[in-house]
Amino acid sequence: MGSFSIWHWLIVLLVVVMIFGTKKLRNMGSDLGGAVKGFKDGMKDGSATDAAAAPAPTQQVTGQPANSDKSTIDVEARQKS
């Protein structure tokens, strides 16, 4: 079993064009290009805002949580037997 020849790919292309039509394929291509462009712009914006953002202040870890709630259920203590 070898790789496909150029004739195999031309037949596959012809079948795809016959099924979808050239207008639908053109629309899918432009939608895909717009999505890729939007992704690249988002990646550029994301890296610029990450670099400009100040590092978050660190909190010191203590024995008791700062927002301990009396209604919190300890899962290990409430096992069914």
PDB file of N, CA and C in Angstrom:
ATOM      1  N   MET A   1       0.837  -1.173   0.000  1.00  0.00           N
ATOM      2  CA  MET A   1       0.000   0.000   0.000  1.00  0.00           C
ATOM      3  C   MET A   1       0.890   1.247   0.000  1.00  0.00           C
ATOM      4  N   GLY A   2       0.854   1.954  -1.045  1.00  0.00           N
ATOM      5  CA  GLY A   2       1.663   3.150  -1.163  1.00  0.00           C
ATOM      6  C   GLY A   2       0.851   4.393  -0.874  1.00  0.00           C
ATOM      7  N   SER A   3       1.475   5.506  -1.105  1.00  0.00           N
ATOM      8  CA  SER A   3       0.758   6.765  -0.909  1.00  0.00           C
ATOM      9  C   SER A   3      -0.159   7.008  -2.106  1.00  0.00           C
ATOM     10  N   PHE A   4      -1.091   7.908  -1.928  1.00  0.00           N
ATOM     11  CA  PHE A   4      -2.028   8.213  -3.000  1.00  0.00           C
ATOM     12  C   PHE A   4      -1.337   9.025  -4.091  1.00  0.00           C
ATOM     13  N   SER A   5      -1.709   8.744  -5.321  1.00  0.00           N
ATOM     14  CA  SER A   5      -1.141   9.497  -6.434  1.00  0.00           C
ATOM     15  C   SER A   5      -1.956  10.772  -6.642  1.00  0.00           C
ATOM     16  N   ILE A   6      -1.518  11.585  -7.563  1.00  0.00           N
ATOM     17  CA  ILE A   6      -2.190  12.842  -7.860  1.00  0.00           C
ATOM     18  C   ILE A   6      -3.588  12.580  -8.385  1.00  0.00           C
ATOM     19  N   TRP A   7      -3.786  11.472  -9.090  1.00  0.00           N
ATOM     20  CA  TRP A   7      -5.099  11.162  -9.650  1.00  0.00           C
ATOM     21  C   TRP A   7      -6.106  10.840  -8.553  1.00  0.00           C
ATOM     22  N   HIS A   8      -5.657  10.175  -7.515  1.00  0.00           N
ATOM     23  CA  HIS A   8      -6.548   9.895  -6.388  1.00  0.00           C
ATOM     24  C   HIS A   8      -7.022  11.199  -5.739  1.00  0.00           C
ATOM     25  N   TRP A   9      -6.094  12.132  -5.517  1.00  0.00           N
ATOM     26  CA  TRP A   9      -6.445  13.400  -4.891  1.00  0.00           C
ATOM     27  C   TRP A   9      -7.353  14.240  -5.768  1.00  0.00           C
ATOM     28  N   LEU A  10      -7.156  14.197  -7.089  1.00  0.00           N
ATOM     29  CA  LEU A  10      -8.031  14.939  -7.999  1.00  0.00           C
ATOM     30  C   LEU A  10      -9.456  14.385  -7.984  1.00  0.00           C
ATOM     31  N   ILE A  11      -9.584  13.069  -7.898  1.00  0.00           N
ATOM     32  CA  ILE A  11     -10.909  12.457  -7.818  1.00  0.00           C
ATOM     33  C   ILE A  11     -11.592  12.831  -6.511  1.00  0.00           C
ATOM     34  N   VAL A  12     -10.858  12.806  -5.407  1.00  0.00           N
ATOM     35  CA  VAL A  12     -11.426  13.199  -4.114  1.00  0.00           C
ATOM     36  C   VAL A  12     -11.862  14.661  -4.155  1.00  0.00           C
ATOM     37  N   LEU A  13     -11.044  15.534  -4.730  1.00  0.00           N
ATOM     38  CA  LEU A  13     -11.400  16.952  -4.859  1.00  0.00           C
ATOM     39  C   LEU A  13     -12.648  17.135  -5.710  1.00  0.00           C
ATOM     40  N   LEU A  14     -12.753  16.404  -6.794  1.00  0.00           N
ATOM     41  CA  LEU A  14     -13.918  16.485  -7.660  1.00  0.00           C
ATOM     42  C   LEU A  14     -15.186  16.046  -6.920  1.00  0.00           C
ATOM     43  N   VAL A  15     -15.096  14.988  -6.148  1.00  0.00           N
ATOM     44  CA  VAL A  15     -16.258  14.508  -5.385  1.00  0.00           C
ATOM     45  C   VAL A  15     -16.669  15.530  -4.333  1.00  0.00           C
ATOM     46  N   VAL A  16     -15.694  16.124  -3.646  1.00  0.00           N
ATOM     47  CA  VAL A  16     -15.999  17.127  -2.616  1.00  0.00           C
ATOM     48  C   VAL A  16     -16.668  18.340  -3.247  1.00  0.00           C
ATOM     49  N   VAL A  17     -16.171  18.786  -4.388  1.00  0.00           N
ATOM     50  CA  VAL A  17     -16.766  19.935  -5.076  1.00  0.00           C
ATOM     51  C   VAL A  17     -18.181  19.605  -5.536  1.00  0.00           C
ATOM     52  N   MET A  18     -18.394  18.392  -5.996  1.00  0.00           N
ATOM     53  CA  MET A  18     -19.729  18.002  -6.443  1.00  0.00           C
ATOM     54  C   MET A  18     -20.708  17.921  -5.264  1.00  0.00           C
ATOM     55  N   ILE A  19     -20.240  17.493  -4.109  1.00  0.00           N
ATOM     56  CA  ILE A  19     -21.129  17.373  -2.939  1.00  0.00           C
ATOM     57  C   ILE A  19     -21.447  18.741  -2.351  1.00  0.00           C
ATOM     58  N   PHE A  20     -20.430  19.538  -2.083  1.00  0.00           N
ATOM     59  CA  PHE A  20     -20.631  20.804  -1.375  1.00  0.00           C
ATOM     60  C   PHE A  20     -20.887  21.987  -2.301  1.00  0.00           C
ATOM     61  N   GLY A  21     -20.326  21.979  -3.476  1.00  0.00           N
ATOM     62  CA  GLY A  21     -20.448  23.123  -4.375  1.00  0.00           C
ATOM     63  C   GLY A  21     -19.362  24.143  -4.091  1.00  0.00           C
ATOM     64  N   THR A  22     -19.046  24.941  -5.094  1.00  0.00           N
ATOM     65  CA  THR A  22     -17.938  25.888  -4.952  1.00  0.00           C
ATOM     66  C   THR A  22     -18.283  27.049  -4.031  1.00  0.00           C
ATOM     67  N   LYS A  23     -19.546  27.480  -4.012  1.00  0.00           N
ATOM     68  CA  LYS A  23     -19.920  28.611  -3.169  1.00  0.00           C
ATOM     69  C   LYS A  23     -19.798  28.248  -1.695  1.00  0.00           C
ATOM     70  N   LYS A  24     -20.268  27.071  -1.324  1.00  0.00           N
ATOM     71  CA  LYS A  24     -20.189  26.650   0.076  1.00  0.00           C
ATOM     72  C   LYS A  24     -18.733  26.446   0.494  1.00  0.00           C
ATOM     73  N   LEU A  25     -17.915  25.891  -0.389  1.00  0.00           N
ATOM     74  CA  LEU A  25     -16.496  25.714  -0.070  1.00  0.00           C
ATOM     75  C   LEU A  25     -15.800  27.059   0.093  1.00  0.00           C
ATOM     76  N   ARG A  26     -16.153  28.042  -0.732  1.00  0.00           N
ATOM     77  CA  ARG A  26     -15.562  29.374  -0.628  1.00  0.00           C
ATOM     78  C   ARG A  26     -15.959  30.024   0.707  1.00  0.00           C
ATOM     79  N   ASN A  27     -17.230  29.866   1.101  1.00  0.00           N
ATOM     80  CA  ASN A  27     -17.687  30.421   2.377  1.00  0.00           C
ATOM     81  C   ASN A  27     -16.984  29.759   3.557  1.00  0.00           C
ATOM     82  N   MET A  28     -16.808  28.448   3.477  1.00  0.00           N
ATOM     83  CA  MET A  28     -16.110  27.743   4.564  1.00  0.00           C
ATOM     84  C   MET A  28     -14.660  28.198   4.653  1.00  0.00           C
ATOM     85  N   GLY A  29     -14.030  28.439   3.513  1.00  0.00           N
ATOM     86  CA  GLY A  29     -12.644  28.912   3.507  1.00  0.00           C
ATOM     87  C   GLY A  29     -12.508  30.289   4.119  1.00  0.00           C
ATOM     88  N   SER A  30     -13.446  31.185   3.792  1.00  0.00           N
ATOM     89  CA  SER A  30     -13.361  32.536   4.359  1.00  0.00           C
ATOM     90  C   SER A  30     -13.682  32.517   5.853  1.00  0.00           C
ATOM     91  N   ASP A  31     -14.607  31.657   6.270  1.00  0.00           N
ATOM     92  CA  ASP A  31     -14.902  31.537   7.703  1.00  0.00           C
ATOM     93  C   ASP A  31     -13.700  30.993   8.471  1.00  0.00           C
ATOM     94  N   LEU A  32     -13.035  30.014   7.888  1.00  0.00           N
ATOM     95  CA  LEU A  32     -11.855  29.448   8.534  1.00  0.00           C
ATOM     96  C   LEU A  32     -10.735  30.483   8.618  1.00  0.00           C
ATOM     97  N   GLY A  33     -10.543  31.252   7.552  1.00  0.00           N
ATOM     98  CA  GLY A  33      -9.520  32.300   7.573  1.00  0.00           C
ATOM     99  C   GLY A  33      -9.823  33.367   8.612  1.00  0.00           C
ATOM    100  N   GLY A  34     -11.098  33.753   8.734  1.00  0.00           N
ATOM    101  CA  GLY A  34     -11.480  34.732   9.755  1.00  0.00           C
ATOM    102  C   GLY A  34     -11.266  34.210  11.162  1.00  0.00           C
ATOM    103  N   ALA A  35     -11.535  32.922  11.359  1.00  0.00           N
ATOM    104  CA  ALA A  35     -11.332  32.330  12.677  1.00  0.00           C
ATOM    105  C   ALA A  35      -9.850  32.293  13.045  1.00  0.00           C
ATOM    106  N   VAL A  36      -9.012  31.956  12.086  1.00  0.00           N
ATOM    107  CA  VAL A  36      -7.567  31.923  12.338  1.00  0.00           C
ATOM    108  C   VAL A  36      -7.047  33.325  12.636  1.00  0.00           C
ATOM    109  N   LYS A  37      -7.531  34.319  11.892  1.00  0.00           N
ATOM    110  CA  LYS A  37      -7.107  35.704  12.125  1.00  0.00           C
ATOM    111  C   LYS A  37      -7.546  36.180  13.498  1.00  0.00           C
ATOM    112  N   GLY A  38      -8.776  35.856  13.886  1.00  0.00           N
ATOM    113  CA  GLY A  38      -9.258  36.221  15.215  1.00  0.00           C
ATOM    114  C   GLY A  38      -8.463  35.544  16.319  1.00  0.00           C
ATOM    115  N   PHE A  39      -8.087  34.284  16.099  1.00  0.00           N
ATOM    116  CA  PHE A  39      -7.272  33.569  17.086  1.00  0.00           C
ATOM    117  C   PHE A  39      -5.907  34.217  17.240  1.00  0.00           C
ATOM    118  N   LYS A  40      -5.282  34.579  16.116  1.00  0.00           N
ATOM    119  CA  LYS A  40      -3.968  35.226  16.185  1.00  0.00           C
ATOM    120  C   LYS A  40      -4.052  36.570  16.893  1.00  0.00           C
ATOM    121  N   ASP A  41      -5.101  37.357  16.600  1.00  0.00           N
ATOM    122  CA  ASP A  41      -5.282  38.646  17.273  1.00  0.00           C
ATOM    123  C   ASP A  41      -5.503  38.452  18.768  1.00  0.00           C
ATOM    124  N   GLY A  42      -6.266  37.434  19.126  1.00  0.00           N
ATOM    125  CA  GLY A  42      -6.497  37.145  20.538  1.00  0.00           C
ATOM    126  C   GLY A  42      -5.221  36.739  21.253  1.00  0.00           C
ATOM    127  N   MET A  43      -4.381  35.988  20.570  1.00  0.00           N
ATOM    128  CA  MET A  43      -3.110  35.581  21.181  1.00  0.00           C
ATOM    129  C   MET A  43      -2.193  36.780  21.374  1.00  0.00           C
ATOM    130  N   LYS A  44      -2.194  37.714  20.417  1.00  0.00           N
ATOM    131  CA  LYS A  44      -1.376  38.920  20.558  1.00  0.00           C
ATOM    132  C   LYS A  44      -1.891  39.776  21.708  1.00  0.00           C
ATOM    133  N   ASP A  45      -3.218  39.957  21.805  1.00  0.00           N
ATOM    134  CA  ASP A  45      -3.797  40.756  22.874  1.00  0.00           C
ATOM    135  C   ASP A  45      -3.571  40.109  24.228  1.00  0.00           C
ATOM    136  N   GLY A  46      -3.677  38.800  24.296  1.00  0.00           N
ATOM    137  CA  GLY A  46      -3.498  38.082  25.550  1.00  0.00           C
ATOM    138  C   GLY A  46      -2.079  38.186  26.066  1.00  0.00           C
ATOM    139  N   SER A  47      -1.091  38.102  25.189  1.00  0.00           N
ATOM    140  CA  SER A  47       0.298  38.183  25.631  1.00  0.00           C
ATOM    141  C   SER A  47       0.644  39.616  26.039  1.00  0.00           C
ATOM    142  N   ALA A  48       0.017  40.607  25.397  1.00  0.00           N
ATOM    143  CA  ALA A  48       0.295  42.002  25.761  1.00  0.00           C
ATOM    144  C   ALA A  48      -0.310  42.332  27.118  1.00  0.00           C
ATOM    145  N   THR A  49      -1.510  41.838  27.402  1.00  0.00           N
ATOM    146  CA  THR A  49      -2.127  42.133  28.700  1.00  0.00           C
ATOM    147  C   THR A  49      -1.466  41.344  29.807  1.00  0.00           C
ATOM    148  N   ASP A  50      -0.954  40.136  29.515  1.00  0.00           N
ATOM    149  CA  ASP A  50      -0.261  39.361  30.538  1.00  0.00           C
ATOM    150  C   ASP A  50       1.045  40.043  30.949  1.00  0.00           C
ATOM    151  N   ALA A  51       1.753  40.605  29.994  1.00  0.00           N
ATOM    152  CA  ALA A  51       3.020  41.253  30.296  1.00  0.00           C
ATOM    153  C   ALA A  51       2.802  42.569  31.038  1.00  0.00           C
ATOM    154  N   ALA A  52       1.702  43.265  30.727  1.00  0.00           N
ATOM    155  CA  ALA A  52       1.448  44.560  31.346  1.00  0.00           C
ATOM    156  C   ALA A  52       0.825  44.421  32.735  1.00  0.00           C
ATOM    157  N   ALA A  53       0.228  43.300  33.026  1.00  0.00           N
ATOM    158  CA  ALA A  53      -0.449  43.119  34.315  1.00  0.00           C
ATOM    159  C   ALA A  53       0.583  42.989  35.437  1.00  0.00           C
ATOM    160  N   ALA A  54       0.279  43.615  36.540  1.00  0.00           N
ATOM    161  CA  ALA A  54       1.164  43.530  37.701  1.00  0.00           C
ATOM    162  C   ALA A  54       0.989  42.162  38.355  1.00  0.00           C
ATOM    163  N   PRO A  55       2.046  41.620  38.941  1.00  0.00           N
ATOM    164  CA  PRO A  55       1.908  40.328  39.599  1.00  0.00           C
ATOM    165  C   PRO A  55       0.964  40.443  40.804  1.00  0.00           C
ATOM    166  N   ALA A  56       0.186  39.429  41.009  1.00  0.00           N
ATOM    167  CA  ALA A  56      -0.787  39.426  42.099  1.00  0.00           C
ATOM    168  C   ALA A  56      -0.065  39.323  43.433  1.00  0.00           C
ATOM    169  N   PRO A  57      -0.549  40.027  44.444  1.00  0.00           N
ATOM    170  CA  PRO A  57       0.091  39.932  45.758  1.00  0.00           C
ATOM    171  C   PRO A  57      -0.101  38.531  46.331  1.00  0.00           C
ATOM    172  N   THR A  58       0.936  38.049  46.985  1.00  0.00           N
ATOM    173  CA  THR A  58       0.860  36.712  47.570  1.00  0.00           C
ATOM    174  C   THR A  58       0.271  36.806  48.964  1.00  0.00           C
ATOM    175  N   GLN A  59      -0.457  35.764  49.351  1.00  0.00           N
ATOM    176  CA  GLN A  59      -1.043  35.721  50.678  1.00  0.00           C
ATOM    177  C   GLN A  59      -0.298  34.706  51.525  1.00  0.00           C
ATOM    178  N   GLN A  60      -0.193  35.004  52.786  1.00  0.00           N
ATOM    179  CA  GLN A  60       0.476  34.099  53.695  1.00  0.00           C
ATOM    180  C   GLN A  60      -0.508  33.011  54.111  1.00  0.00           C
ATOM    181  N   VAL A  61      -0.040  31.777  54.092  1.00  0.00           N
ATOM    182  CA  VAL A  61      -0.886  30.652  54.457  1.00  0.00           C
ATOM    183  C   VAL A  61      -0.867  30.503  55.968  1.00  0.00           C
ATOM    184  N   THR A  62      -2.066  30.430  56.566  1.00  0.00           N
ATOM    185  CA  THR A  62      -2.175  30.257  58.010  1.00  0.00           C
ATOM    186  C   THR A  62      -2.875  28.940  58.302  1.00  0.00           C
ATOM    187  N   GLY A  63      -2.977  28.590  59.553  1.00  0.00           N
ATOM    188  CA  GLY A  63      -3.629  27.341  59.964  1.00  0.00           C
ATOM    189  C   GLY A  63      -5.121  27.368  59.697  1.00  0.00           C
ATOM    190  N   GLN A  64      -5.813  28.466  59.947  1.00  0.00           N
ATOM    191  CA  GLN A  64      -7.252  28.600  59.726  1.00  0.00           C
ATOM    192  C   GLN A  64      -7.493  29.364  58.436  1.00  0.00           C
ATOM    193  N   PRO A  65      -8.425  28.902  57.612  1.00  0.00           N
ATOM    194  CA  PRO A  65      -8.757  29.694  56.430  1.00  0.00           C
ATOM    195  C   PRO A  65      -9.395  31.018  56.830  1.00  0.00           C
ATOM    196  N   ALA A  66      -9.184  32.028  56.020  1.00  0.00           N
ATOM    197  CA  ALA A  66      -9.673  33.364  56.340  1.00  0.00           C
ATOM    198  C   ALA A  66     -11.190  33.418  56.322  1.00  0.00           C
ATOM    199  N   ASN A  67     -11.833  32.629  55.466  1.00  0.00           N
ATOM    200  CA  ASN A  67     -13.278  32.670  55.366  1.00  0.00           C
ATOM    201  C   ASN A  67     -13.886  31.347  55.824  1.00  0.00           C
ATOM    202  N   SER A  68     -13.467  30.859  56.987  1.00  0.00           N
ATOM    203  CA  SER A  68     -13.989  29.585  57.480  1.00  0.00           C
ATOM    204  C   SER A  68     -15.464  29.742  57.812  1.00  0.00           C
ATOM    205  N   ASP A  69     -16.245  28.803  57.353  1.00  0.00           N
ATOM    206  CA  ASP A  69     -17.687  28.828  57.511  1.00  0.00           C
ATOM    207  C   ASP A  69     -18.082  27.673  58.419  1.00  0.00           C
ATOM    208  N   LYS A  70     -18.935  27.929  59.401  1.00  0.00           N
ATOM    209  CA  LYS A  70     -19.346  26.902  60.365  1.00  0.00           C
ATOM    210  C   LYS A  70     -20.258  25.864  59.706  1.00  0.00           C
ATOM    211  N   SER A  71     -20.882  26.189  58.572  1.00  0.00           N
ATOM    212  CA  SER A  71     -21.783  25.246  57.927  1.00  0.00           C
ATOM    213  C   SER A  71     -21.063  24.315  56.951  1.00  0.00           C
ATOM    214  N   THR A  72     -19.740  24.424  56.844  1.00  0.00           N
ATOM    215  CA  THR A  72     -18.988  23.566  55.945  1.00  0.00           C
ATOM    216  C   THR A  72     -18.953  22.152  56.502  1.00  0.00           C
ATOM    217  N   ILE A  73     -19.183  21.187  55.636  1.00  0.00           N
ATOM    218  CA  ILE A  73     -19.211  19.792  56.064  1.00  0.00           C
ATOM    219  C   ILE A  73     -17.881  19.158  55.732  1.00  0.00           C
ATOM    220  N   ASP A  74     -17.299  18.499  56.731  1.00  0.00           N
ATOM    221  CA  ASP A  74     -16.063  17.766  56.511  1.00  0.00           C
ATOM    222  C   ASP A  74     -16.428  16.417  55.905  1.00  0.00           C
ATOM    223  N   VAL A  75     -15.969  16.158  54.693  1.00  0.00           N
ATOM    224  CA  VAL A  75     -16.376  14.967  53.962  1.00  0.00           C
ATOM    225  C   VAL A  75     -15.888  13.707  54.657  1.00  0.00           C
ATOM    226  N   GLU A  76     -14.696  13.728  55.172  1.00  0.00           N
ATOM    227  CA  GLU A  76     -14.152  12.535  55.813  1.00  0.00           C
ATOM    228  C   GLU A  76     -14.911  12.188  57.085  1.00  0.00           C
ATOM    229  N   ALA A  77     -15.446  13.156  57.782  1.00  0.00           N
ATOM    230  CA  ALA A  77     -16.170  12.900  59.022  1.00  0.00           C
ATOM    231  C   ALA A  77     -17.585  12.417  58.776  1.00  0.00           C
ATOM    232  N   ARG A  78     -18.126  12.590  57.566  1.00  0.00           N
ATOM    233  CA  ARG A  78     -19.517  12.253  57.299  1.00  0.00           C
ATOM    234  C   ARG A  78     -19.636  11.044  56.368  1.00  0.00           C
ATOM    235  N   GLN A  79     -18.821  10.010  56.566  1.00  0.00           N
ATOM    236  CA  GLN A  79     -18.913   8.838  55.729  1.00  0.00           C
ATOM    237  C   GLN A  79     -20.041   7.937  56.204  1.00  0.00           C
ATOM    238  N   LYS A  80     -20.740   7.321  55.237  1.00  0.00           N
ATOM    239  CA  LYS A  80     -21.800   6.379  55.577  1.00  0.00           C
ATOM    240  C   LYS A  80     -21.183   5.030  55.901  1.00  0.00           C
ATOM    241  N   SER A  81     -21.789   4.337  56.837  1.00  0.00           N
ATOM    242  CA  SER A  81     -21.253   3.015  57.185  1.00  0.00           C
ATOM    243  C   SER A  81     -22.134   1.902  56.660  1.00  0.00           C
TER     244      SER A  81
END
